[in-house]
Amino acid sequence: MELRQVYNRMLFVANHFLENASHLTLESLKEYDPSVDQISKNMRMLATILKDLAGDNYEDSNMAMNAFQCCLIMERLADAVASNNGDDLETIVKEFEIHVNVP
């Protein structure tokens, strides 16, 4: 599978999550299946794979870097849900949307 395909798949999954999560409350996100924490772990795995495969190619490196940024934001979202911190939820979701919509 080509690097771009893996990257696009990751963005597709992230976008699908955002379409659902942006309308959910903190309590609903706690019950999300798969869990926000599991999604963040899967994204970390994919981001690591993308980074390892990117090599020195500029475009591939940019995709890997954005994937890693998406992963970090998703981890912050998982932490907010786990710690019952709804205050930053909207800000984190908006930041996530920006990175997911990067080509």
PDB file of N, CA and C in Angstrom:
ATOM      1  N   MET A   1       0.843  -1.174   0.000  1.00  0.00           N
ATOM      2  CA  MET A   1       0.000   0.000   0.000  1.00  0.00           C
ATOM      3  C   MET A   1       0.897   1.249   0.000  1.00  0.00           C
ATOM      4  N   GLU A   2       0.580   2.171  -0.819  1.00  0.00           N
ATOM      5  CA  GLU A   2       1.348   3.395  -0.954  1.00  0.00           C
ATOM      6  C   GLU A   2       1.190   4.274   0.297  1.00  0.00           C
ATOM      7  N   LEU A   3       2.243   5.013   0.615  1.00  0.00           N
ATOM      8  CA  LEU A   3       2.254   5.885   1.790  1.00  0.00           C
ATOM      9  C   LEU A   3       1.078   6.847   1.774  1.00  0.00           C
ATOM     10  N   ARG A   4       0.787   7.438   0.627  1.00  0.00           N
ATOM     11  CA  ARG A   4      -0.325   8.384   0.512  1.00  0.00           C
ATOM     12  C   ARG A   4      -1.646   7.705   0.845  1.00  0.00           C
ATOM     13  N   GLN A   5      -1.807   6.451   0.470  1.00  0.00           N
ATOM     14  CA  GLN A   5      -3.040   5.723   0.760  1.00  0.00           C
ATOM     15  C   GLN A   5      -3.209   5.511   2.267  1.00  0.00           C
ATOM     16  N   VAL A   6      -2.124   5.172   2.948  1.00  0.00           N
ATOM     17  CA  VAL A   6      -2.178   4.991   4.400  1.00  0.00           C
ATOM     18  C   VAL A   6      -2.545   6.316   5.064  1.00  0.00           C
ATOM     19  N   TYR A   7      -1.906   7.383   4.619  1.00  0.00           N
ATOM     20  CA  TYR A   7      -2.169   8.721   5.150  1.00  0.00           C
ATOM     21  C   TYR A   7      -3.627   9.118   4.916  1.00  0.00           C
ATOM     22  N   ASN A   8      -4.119   8.928   3.696  1.00  0.00           N
ATOM     23  CA  ASN A   8      -5.508   9.276   3.384  1.00  0.00           C
ATOM     24  C   ASN A   8      -6.489   8.449   4.197  1.00  0.00           C
ATOM     25  N   ARG A   9      -6.147   7.196   4.429  1.00  0.00           N
ATOM     26  CA  ARG A   9      -7.012   6.328   5.243  1.00  0.00           C
ATOM     27  C   ARG A   9      -7.086   6.844   6.674  1.00  0.00           C
ATOM     28  N   MET A  10      -5.937   7.256   7.198  1.00  0.00           N
ATOM     29  CA  MET A  10      -5.898   7.796   8.551  1.00  0.00           C
ATOM     30  C   MET A  10      -6.743   9.067   8.641  1.00  0.00           C
ATOM     31  N   LEU A  11      -6.624   9.945   7.649  1.00  0.00           N
ATOM     32  CA  LEU A  11      -7.421  11.170   7.639  1.00  0.00           C
ATOM     33  C   LEU A  11      -8.911  10.867   7.489  1.00  0.00           C
ATOM     34  N   PHE A  12      -9.243   9.843   6.708  1.00  0.00           N
ATOM     35  CA  PHE A  12     -10.632   9.442   6.548  1.00  0.00           C
ATOM     36  C   PHE A  12     -11.225   9.003   7.888  1.00  0.00           C
ATOM     37  N   VAL A  13     -10.484   8.186   8.617  1.00  0.00           N
ATOM     38  CA  VAL A  13     -10.939   7.714   9.928  1.00  0.00           C
ATOM     39  C   VAL A  13     -11.066   8.886  10.896  1.00  0.00           C
ATOM     40  N   ALA A  14     -10.078   9.767  10.896  1.00  0.00           N
ATOM     41  CA  ALA A  14     -10.114  10.943  11.778  1.00  0.00           C
ATOM     42  C   ALA A  14     -11.298  11.838  11.434  1.00  0.00           C
ATOM     43  N   ASN A  15     -11.543  12.034  10.148  1.00  0.00           N
ATOM     44  CA  ASN A  15     -12.662  12.856   9.712  1.00  0.00           C
ATOM     45  C   ASN A  15     -13.998  12.239  10.115  1.00  0.00           C
ATOM     46  N   HIS A  16     -14.101  10.931   9.959  1.00  0.00           N
ATOM     47  CA  HIS A  16     -15.323  10.227  10.375  1.00  0.00           C
ATOM     48  C   HIS A  16     -15.564  10.419  11.875  1.00  0.00           C
ATOM     49  N   PHE A  17     -14.501  10.289  12.647  1.00  0.00           N
ATOM     50  CA  PHE A  17     -14.619  10.504  14.088  1.00  0.00           C
ATOM     51  C   PHE A  17     -15.077  11.934  14.373  1.00  0.00           C
ATOM     52  N   LEU A  18     -14.462  12.902  13.712  1.00  0.00           N
ATOM     53  CA  LEU A  18     -14.805  14.308  13.950  1.00  0.00           C
ATOM     54  C   LEU A  18     -16.252  14.620  13.590  1.00  0.00           C
ATOM     55  N   GLU A  19     -16.737  14.036  12.495  1.00  0.00           N
ATOM     56  CA  GLU A  19     -18.127  14.255  12.101  1.00  0.00           C
ATOM     57  C   GLU A  19     -19.084  13.812  13.200  1.00  0.00           C
ATOM     58  N   ASN A  20     -18.734  12.743  13.882  1.00  0.00           N
ATOM     59  CA  ASN A  20     -19.575  12.237  14.965  1.00  0.00           C
ATOM     60  C   ASN A  20     -19.299  12.953  16.279  1.00  0.00           C
ATOM     61  N   ALA A  21     -18.033  13.136  16.597  1.00  0.00           N
ATOM     62  CA  ALA A  21     -17.638  13.644  17.905  1.00  0.00           C
ATOM     63  C   ALA A  21     -17.943  15.124  18.095  1.00  0.00           C
ATOM     64  N   SER A  22     -17.948  15.890  17.028  1.00  0.00           N
ATOM     65  CA  SER A  22     -18.156  17.326  17.187  1.00  0.00           C
ATOM     66  C   SER A  22     -19.551  17.655  17.715  1.00  0.00           C
ATOM     67  N   HIS A  23     -20.455  16.702  17.644  1.00  0.00           N
ATOM     68  CA  HIS A  23     -21.813  16.916  18.139  1.00  0.00           C
ATOM     69  C   HIS A  23     -22.093  16.190  19.452  1.00  0.00           C
ATOM     70  N   LEU A  24     -21.071  15.542  20.001  1.00  0.00           N
ATOM     71  CA  LEU A  24     -21.259  14.745  21.208  1.00  0.00           C
ATOM     72  C   LEU A  24     -20.795  15.494  22.448  1.00  0.00           C
ATOM     73  N   THR A  25     -21.383  15.141  23.544  1.00  0.00           N
ATOM     74  CA  THR A  25     -20.970  15.691  24.834  1.00  0.00           C
ATOM     75  C   THR A  25     -19.800  14.868  25.371  1.00  0.00           C
ATOM     76  N   LEU A  26     -19.215  15.364  26.434  1.00  0.00           N
ATOM     77  CA  LEU A  26     -18.124  14.645  27.087  1.00  0.00           C
ATOM     78  C   LEU A  26     -18.597  13.271  27.550  1.00  0.00           C
ATOM     79  N   GLU A  27     -19.778  13.210  28.089  1.00  0.00           N
ATOM     80  CA  GLU A  27     -20.331  11.922  28.546  1.00  0.00           C
ATOM     81  C   GLU A  27     -20.508  10.949  27.384  1.00  0.00           C
ATOM     82  N   SER A  28     -20.966  11.453  26.248  1.00  0.00           N
ATOM     83  CA  SER A  28     -21.134  10.594  25.074  1.00  0.00           C
ATOM     84  C   SER A  28     -19.793  10.111  24.550  1.00  0.00           C
ATOM     85  N   LEU A  29     -18.791  10.977  24.615  1.00  0.00           N
ATOM     86  CA  LEU A  29     -17.451  10.580  24.158  1.00  0.00           C
ATOM     87  C   LEU A  29     -16.859   9.496  25.045  1.00  0.00           C
ATOM     88  N   LYS A  30     -17.247   9.483  26.309  1.00  0.00           N
ATOM     89  CA  LYS A  30     -16.765   8.430  27.210  1.00  0.00           C
ATOM     90  C   LYS A  30     -17.287   7.062  26.786  1.00  0.00           C
ATOM     91  N   GLU A  31     -18.439   7.041  26.140  1.00  0.00           N
ATOM     92  CA  GLU A  31     -19.063   5.792  25.726  1.00  0.00           C
ATOM     93  C   GLU A  31     -18.823   5.473  24.253  1.00  0.00           C
ATOM     94  N   TYR A  32     -18.059   6.297  23.570  1.00  0.00           N
ATOM     95  CA  TYR A  32     -17.803   6.125  22.143  1.00  0.00           C
ATOM     96  C   TYR A  32     -17.132   4.767  21.906  1.00  0.00           C
ATOM     97  N   ASP A  33     -17.553   4.085  20.845  1.00  0.00           N
ATOM     98  CA  ASP A  33     -17.004   2.768  20.542  1.00  0.00           C
ATOM     99  C   ASP A  33     -16.525   2.728  19.101  1.00  0.00           C
ATOM    100  N   PRO A  34     -15.234   2.540  18.839  1.00  0.00           N
ATOM    101  CA  PRO A  34     -14.176   2.267  19.809  1.00  0.00           C
ATOM    102  C   PRO A  34     -13.887   3.510  20.638  1.00  0.00           C
ATOM    103  N   SER A  35     -13.267   3.304  21.760  1.00  0.00           N
ATOM    104  CA  SER A  35     -13.019   4.412  22.682  1.00  0.00           C
ATOM    105  C   SER A  35     -12.080   5.441  22.061  1.00  0.00           C
ATOM    106  N   VAL A  36     -12.183   6.661  22.552  1.00  0.00           N
ATOM    107  CA  VAL A  36     -11.307   7.732  22.086  1.00  0.00           C
ATOM    108  C   VAL A  36      -9.853   7.347  22.356  1.00  0.00           C
ATOM    109  N   ASP A  37      -9.610   6.712  23.469  1.00  0.00           N
ATOM    110  CA  ASP A  37      -8.261   6.270  23.799  1.00  0.00           C
ATOM    111  C   ASP A  37      -7.765   5.237  22.788  1.00  0.00           C
ATOM    112  N   GLN A  38      -8.600   4.292  22.408  1.00  0.00           N
ATOM    113  CA  GLN A  38      -8.193   3.272  21.435  1.00  0.00           C
ATOM    114  C   GLN A  38      -7.927   3.897  20.075  1.00  0.00           C
ATOM    115  N   ILE A  39      -8.752   4.857  19.677  1.00  0.00           N
ATOM    116  CA  ILE A  39      -8.533   5.548  18.403  1.00  0.00           C
ATOM    117  C   ILE A  39      -7.196   6.271  18.435  1.00  0.00           C
ATOM    118  N   SER A  40      -6.887   6.922  19.563  1.00  0.00           N
ATOM    119  CA  SER A  40      -5.618   7.654  19.660  1.00  0.00           C
ATOM    120  C   SER A  40      -4.432   6.696  19.599  1.00  0.00           C
ATOM    121  N   LYS A  41      -4.565   5.528  20.196  1.00  0.00           N
ATOM    122  CA  LYS A  41      -3.485   4.533  20.140  1.00  0.00           C
ATOM    123  C   LYS A  41      -3.287   4.018  18.713  1.00  0.00           C
ATOM    124  N   ASN A  42      -4.378   3.786  18.005  1.00  0.00           N
ATOM    125  CA  ASN A  42      -4.285   3.335  16.621  1.00  0.00           C
ATOM    126  C   ASN A  42      -3.653   4.416  15.736  1.00  0.00           C
ATOM    127  N   MET A  43      -4.022   5.666  15.998  1.00  0.00           N
ATOM    128  CA  MET A  43      -3.441   6.766  15.234  1.00  0.00           C
ATOM    129  C   MET A  43      -1.949   6.885  15.519  1.00  0.00           C
ATOM    130  N   ARG A  44      -1.537   6.674  16.755  1.00  0.00           N
ATOM    131  CA  ARG A  44      -0.109   6.721  17.113  1.00  0.00           C
ATOM    132  C   ARG A  44       0.643   5.648  16.333  1.00  0.00           C
ATOM    133  N   MET A  45       0.057   4.460  16.246  1.00  0.00           N
ATOM    134  CA  MET A  45       0.694   3.369  15.516  1.00  0.00           C
ATOM    135  C   MET A  45       0.845   3.731  14.034  1.00  0.00           C
ATOM    136  N   LEU A  46      -0.208   4.255  13.433  1.00  0.00           N
ATOM    137  CA  LEU A  46      -0.146   4.641  12.025  1.00  0.00           C
ATOM    138  C   LEU A  46       0.833   5.786  11.794  1.00  0.00           C
ATOM    139  N   ALA A  47       0.841   6.765  12.688  1.00  0.00           N
ATOM    140  CA  ALA A  47       1.760   7.893  12.552  1.00  0.00           C
ATOM    141  C   ALA A  47       3.203   7.420  12.625  1.00  0.00           C
ATOM    142  N   THR A  48       3.476   6.471  13.494  1.00  0.00           N
ATOM    143  CA  THR A  48       4.826   5.921  13.623  1.00  0.00           C
ATOM    144  C   THR A  48       5.226   5.179  12.357  1.00  0.00           C
ATOM    145  N   ILE A  49       4.311   4.412  11.807  1.00  0.00           N
ATOM    146  CA  ILE A  49       4.580   3.692  10.563  1.00  0.00           C
ATOM    147  C   ILE A  49       4.846   4.681   9.430  1.00  0.00           C
ATOM    148  N   LEU A  50       4.023   5.717   9.332  1.00  0.00           N
ATOM    149  CA  LEU A  50       4.209   6.722   8.294  1.00  0.00           C
ATOM    150  C   LEU A  50       5.565   7.406   8.429  1.00  0.00           C
ATOM    151  N   LYS A  51       5.945   7.729   9.664  1.00  0.00           N
ATOM    152  CA  LYS A  51       7.240   8.377   9.899  1.00  0.00           C
ATOM    153  C   LYS A  51       8.377   7.464   9.464  1.00  0.00           C
ATOM    154  N   ASP A  52       8.272   6.189   9.800  1.00  0.00           N
ATOM    155  CA  ASP A  52       9.317   5.232   9.449  1.00  0.00           C
ATOM    156  C   ASP A  52       9.430   5.036   7.933  1.00  0.00           C
ATOM    157  N   LEU A  53       8.298   5.096   7.242  1.00  0.00           N
ATOM    158  CA  LEU A  53       8.293   4.877   5.801  1.00  0.00           C
ATOM    159  C   LEU A  53       8.614   6.132   5.000  1.00  0.00           C
ATOM    160  N   ALA A  54       8.479   7.294   5.611  1.00  0.00           N
ATOM    161  CA  ALA A  54       8.621   8.555   4.880  1.00  0.00           C
ATOM    162  C   ALA A  54      10.018   8.770   4.323  1.00  0.00           C
ATOM    163  N   GLY A  55      11.025   8.422   5.074  1.00  0.00           N
ATOM    164  CA  GLY A  55      12.393   8.631   4.606  1.00  0.00           C
ATOM    165  C   GLY A  55      12.690  10.109   4.418  1.00  0.00           C
ATOM    166  N   ASP A  56      13.436  10.436   3.362  1.00  0.00           N
ATOM    167  CA  ASP A  56      13.870  11.807   3.111  1.00  0.00           C
ATOM    168  C   ASP A  56      12.979  12.554   2.128  1.00  0.00           C
ATOM    169  N   ASN A  57      11.979  11.905   1.585  1.00  0.00           N
ATOM    170  CA  ASN A  57      11.084  12.543   0.630  1.00  0.00           C
ATOM    171  C   ASN A  57      10.301  13.655   1.334  1.00  0.00           C
ATOM    172  N   TYR A  58      10.353  14.868   0.776  1.00  0.00           N
ATOM    173  CA  TYR A  58       9.740  16.043   1.406  1.00  0.00           C
ATOM    174  C   TYR A  58       8.230  15.866   1.600  1.00  0.00           C
ATOM    175  N   GLU A  59       7.521  15.454   0.545  1.00  0.00           N
ATOM    176  CA  GLU A  59       6.067  15.301   0.634  1.00  0.00           C
ATOM    177  C   GLU A  59       5.692  14.212   1.638  1.00  0.00           C
ATOM    178  N   ASP A  60       6.413  13.098   1.602  1.00  0.00           N
ATOM    179  CA  ASP A  60       6.141  12.012   2.539  1.00  0.00           C
ATOM    180  C   ASP A  60       6.415  12.456   3.976  1.00  0.00           C
ATOM    181  N   SER A  61       7.476  13.225   4.171  1.00  0.00           N
ATOM    182  CA  SER A  61       7.799  13.731   5.509  1.00  0.00           C
ATOM    183  C   SER A  61       6.707  14.667   6.023  1.00  0.00           C
ATOM    184  N   ASN A  62       6.161  15.500   5.141  1.00  0.00           N
ATOM    185  CA  ASN A  62       5.074  16.396   5.540  1.00  0.00           C
ATOM    186  C   ASN A  62       3.823  15.614   5.933  1.00  0.00           C
ATOM    187  N   MET A  63       3.502  14.571   5.172  1.00  0.00           N
ATOM    188  CA  MET A  63       2.353  13.734   5.515  1.00  0.00           C
ATOM    189  C   MET A  63       2.571  13.084   6.874  1.00  0.00           C
ATOM    190  N   ALA A  64       3.758  12.556   7.089  1.00  0.00           N
ATOM    191  CA  ALA A  64       4.070  11.896   8.359  1.00  0.00           C
ATOM    192  C   ALA A  64       3.993  12.891   9.514  1.00  0.00           C
ATOM    193  N   MET A  65       4.485  14.113   9.303  1.00  0.00           N
ATOM    194  CA  MET A  65       4.454  15.122  10.355  1.00  0.00           C
ATOM    195  C   MET A  65       3.012  15.512  10.686  1.00  0.00           C
ATOM    196  N   ASN A  66       2.181  15.680   9.681  1.00  0.00           N
ATOM    197  CA  ASN A  66       0.782  16.018   9.945  1.00  0.00           C
ATOM    198  C   ASN A  66       0.065  14.865  10.638  1.00  0.00           C
ATOM    199  N   ALA A  67       0.371  13.645  10.234  1.00  0.00           N
ATOM    200  CA  ALA A  67      -0.222  12.472  10.888  1.00  0.00           C
ATOM    201  C   ALA A  67       0.156  12.449  12.368  1.00  0.00           C
ATOM    202  N   PHE A  68       1.412  12.765  12.656  1.00  0.00           N
ATOM    203  CA  PHE A  68       1.865  12.794  14.040  1.00  0.00           C
ATOM    204  C   PHE A  68       1.168  13.911  14.823  1.00  0.00           C
ATOM    205  N   GLN A  69       0.973  15.073  14.199  1.00  0.00           N
ATOM    206  CA  GLN A  69       0.262  16.162  14.862  1.00  0.00           C
ATOM    207  C   GLN A  69      -1.189  15.770  15.143  1.00  0.00           C
ATOM    208  N   CYS A  70      -1.825  15.109  14.184  1.00  0.00           N
ATOM    209  CA  CYS A  70      -3.193  14.610  14.409  1.00  0.00           C
ATOM    210  C   CYS A  70      -3.213  13.643  15.583  1.00  0.00           C
ATOM    211  N   CYS A  71      -2.228  12.794  15.635  1.00  0.00           N
ATOM    212  CA  CYS A  71      -2.107  11.815  16.711  1.00  0.00           C
ATOM    213  C   CYS A  71      -1.984  12.513  18.067  1.00  0.00           C
ATOM    214  N   LEU A  72      -1.130  13.525  18.154  1.00  0.00           N
ATOM    215  CA  LEU A  72      -0.956  14.251  19.416  1.00  0.00           C
ATOM    216  C   LEU A  72      -2.239  14.935  19.860  1.00  0.00           C
ATOM    217  N   ILE A  73      -2.963  15.504  18.918  1.00  0.00           N
ATOM    218  CA  ILE A  73      -4.229  16.162  19.253  1.00  0.00           C
ATOM    219  C   ILE A  73      -5.247  15.131  19.719  1.00  0.00           C
ATOM    220  N   MET A  74      -5.286  13.989  19.039  1.00  0.00           N
ATOM    221  CA  MET A  74      -6.213  12.923  19.438  1.00  0.00           C
ATOM    222  C   MET A  74      -5.871  12.418  20.832  1.00  0.00           C
ATOM    223  N   GLU A  75      -4.593  12.342  21.155  1.00  0.00           N
ATOM    224  CA  GLU A  75      -4.183  11.930  22.499  1.00  0.00           C
ATOM    225  C   GLU A  75      -4.621  12.962  23.538  1.00  0.00           C
ATOM    226  N   ARG A  76      -4.533  14.246  23.202  1.00  0.00           N
ATOM    227  CA  ARG A  76      -5.022  15.291  24.112  1.00  0.00           C
ATOM    228  C   ARG A  76      -6.528  15.158  24.321  1.00  0.00           C
ATOM    229  N   LEU A  77      -7.244  14.829  23.248  1.00  0.00           N
ATOM    230  CA  LEU A  77      -8.687  14.624  23.333  1.00  0.00           C
ATOM    231  C   LEU A  77      -9.000  13.429  24.226  1.00  0.00           C
ATOM    232  N   ALA A  78      -8.253  12.346  24.061  1.00  0.00           N
ATOM    233  CA  ALA A  78      -8.442  11.163  24.898  1.00  0.00           C
ATOM    234  C   ALA A  78      -8.161  11.486  26.363  1.00  0.00           C
ATOM    235  N   ASP A  79      -7.124  12.280  26.622  1.00  0.00           N
ATOM    236  CA  ASP A  79      -6.815  12.689  27.997  1.00  0.00           C
ATOM    237  C   ASP A  79      -7.934  13.546  28.583  1.00  0.00           C
ATOM    238  N   ALA A  80      -8.478  14.450  27.769  1.00  0.00           N
ATOM    239  CA  ALA A  80      -9.578  15.309  28.243  1.00  0.00           C
ATOM    240  C   ALA A  80     -10.804  14.477  28.595  1.00  0.00           C
ATOM    241  N   VAL A  81     -11.092  13.483  27.768  1.00  0.00           N
ATOM    242  CA  VAL A  81     -12.243  12.611  28.041  1.00  0.00           C
ATOM    243  C   VAL A  81     -11.983  11.784  29.302  1.00  0.00           C
ATOM    244  N   ALA A  82     -10.789  11.210  29.419  1.00  0.00           N
ATOM    245  CA  ALA A  82     -10.453  10.369  30.572  1.00  0.00           C
ATOM    246  C   ALA A  82     -10.449  11.156  31.882  1.00  0.00           C
ATOM    247  N   SER A  83     -10.016  12.412  31.820  1.00  0.00           N
ATOM    248  CA  SER A  83      -9.938  13.218  33.044  1.00  0.00           C
ATOM    249  C   SER A  83     -11.198  14.045  33.280  1.00  0.00           C
ATOM    250  N   ASN A  84     -12.215  13.820  32.452  1.00  0.00           N
ATOM    251  CA  ASN A  84     -13.503  14.502  32.612  1.00  0.00           C
ATOM    252  C   ASN A  84     -13.362  16.017  32.478  1.00  0.00           C
ATOM    253  N   ASN A  85     -12.460  16.456  31.595  1.00  0.00           N
ATOM    254  CA  ASN A  85     -12.190  17.875  31.391  1.00  0.00           C
ATOM    255  C   ASN A  85     -12.865  18.339  30.104  1.00  0.00           C
ATOM    256  N   GLY A  86     -14.088  18.794  30.218  1.00  0.00           N
ATOM    257  CA  GLY A  86     -14.829  19.258  29.055  1.00  0.00           C
ATOM    258  C   GLY A  86     -14.513  20.690  28.662  1.00  0.00           C
ATOM    259  N   ASP A  87     -13.768  21.405  29.500  1.00  0.00           N
ATOM    260  CA  ASP A  87     -13.489  22.815  29.238  1.00  0.00           C
ATOM    261  C   ASP A  87     -12.733  23.027  27.935  1.00  0.00           C
ATOM    262  N   ASP A  88     -11.753  22.191  27.647  1.00  0.00           N
ATOM    263  CA  ASP A  88     -10.920  22.359  26.463  1.00  0.00           C
ATOM    264  C   ASP A  88     -11.400  21.535  25.268  1.00  0.00           C
ATOM    265  N   LEU A  89     -12.477  20.812  25.434  1.00  0.00           N
ATOM    266  CA  LEU A  89     -12.935  19.878  24.408  1.00  0.00           C
ATOM    267  C   LEU A  89     -13.184  20.564  23.065  1.00  0.00           C
ATOM    268  N   GLU A  90     -13.899  21.664  23.055  1.00  0.00           N
ATOM    269  CA  GLU A  90     -14.225  22.356  21.815  1.00  0.00           C
ATOM    270  C   GLU A  90     -12.962  22.864  21.118  1.00  0.00           C
ATOM    271  N   THR A  91     -12.037  23.404  21.891  1.00  0.00           N
ATOM    272  CA  THR A  91     -10.782  23.899  21.337  1.00  0.00           C
ATOM    273  C   THR A  91      -9.976  22.767  20.712  1.00  0.00           C
ATOM    274  N   ILE A  92      -9.906  21.646  21.394  1.00  0.00           N
ATOM    275  CA  ILE A  92      -9.143  20.499  20.883  1.00  0.00           C
ATOM    276  C   ILE A  92      -9.781  19.978  19.596  1.00  0.00           C
ATOM    277  N   VAL A  93     -11.108  19.876  19.568  1.00  0.00           N
ATOM    278  CA  VAL A  93     -11.802  19.386  18.373  1.00  0.00           C
ATOM    279  C   VAL A  93     -11.550  20.320  17.193  1.00  0.00           C
ATOM    280  N   LYS A  94     -11.598  21.635  17.417  1.00  0.00           N
ATOM    281  CA  LYS A  94     -11.342  22.592  16.332  1.00  0.00           C
ATOM    282  C   LYS A  94      -9.906  22.479  15.822  1.00  0.00           C
ATOM    283  N   GLU A  95      -8.964  22.319  16.719  1.00  0.00           N
ATOM    284  CA  GLU A  95      -7.566  22.142  16.327  1.00  0.00           C
ATOM    285  C   GLU A  95      -7.395  20.855  15.518  1.00  0.00           C
ATOM    286  N   PHE A  96      -8.088  19.814  15.932  1.00  0.00           N
ATOM    287  CA  PHE A  96      -8.041  18.541  15.225  1.00  0.00           C
ATOM    288  C   PHE A  96      -8.595  18.699  13.808  1.00  0.00           C
ATOM    289  N   GLU A  97      -9.703  19.426  13.672  1.00  0.00           N
ATOM    290  CA  GLU A  97     -10.314  19.658  12.360  1.00  0.00           C
ATOM    291  C   GLU A  97      -9.339  20.332  11.405  1.00  0.00           C
ATOM    292  N   ILE A  98      -8.551  21.270  11.907  1.00  0.00           N
ATOM    293  CA  ILE A  98      -7.580  21.974  11.067  1.00  0.00           C
ATOM    294  C   ILE A  98      -6.553  20.995  10.495  1.00  0.00           C
ATOM    295  N   HIS A  99      -6.038  20.124  11.338  1.00  0.00           N
ATOM    296  CA  HIS A  99      -5.012  19.185  10.884  1.00  0.00           C
ATOM    297  C   HIS A  99      -5.575  18.089   9.995  1.00  0.00           C
ATOM    298  N   VAL A 100      -6.796  17.694  10.239  1.00  0.00           N
ATOM    299  CA  VAL A 100      -7.407  16.648   9.412  1.00  0.00           C
ATOM    300  C   VAL A 100      -7.697  17.172   8.020  1.00  0.00           C
ATOM    301  N   ASN A 101      -7.954  18.456   7.900  1.00  0.00           N
ATOM    302  CA  ASN A 101      -8.288  19.032   6.598  1.00  0.00           C
ATOM    303  C   ASN A 101      -7.086  19.529   5.816  1.00  0.00           C
ATOM    304  N   VAL A 102      -5.886  19.201   6.265  1.00  0.00           N
ATOM    305  CA  VAL A 102      -4.670  19.531   5.512  1.00  0.00           C
ATOM    306  C   VAL A 102      -4.514  18.472   4.422  1.00  0.00           C
ATOM    307  N   PRO A 103      -4.293  18.901   3.161  1.00  0.00           N
ATOM    308  CA  PRO A 103      -4.179  17.892   2.086  1.00  0.00           C
ATOM    309  C   PRO A 103      -2.929  17.048   2.209  1.00  0.00           C
TER     310      PRO A 103
END
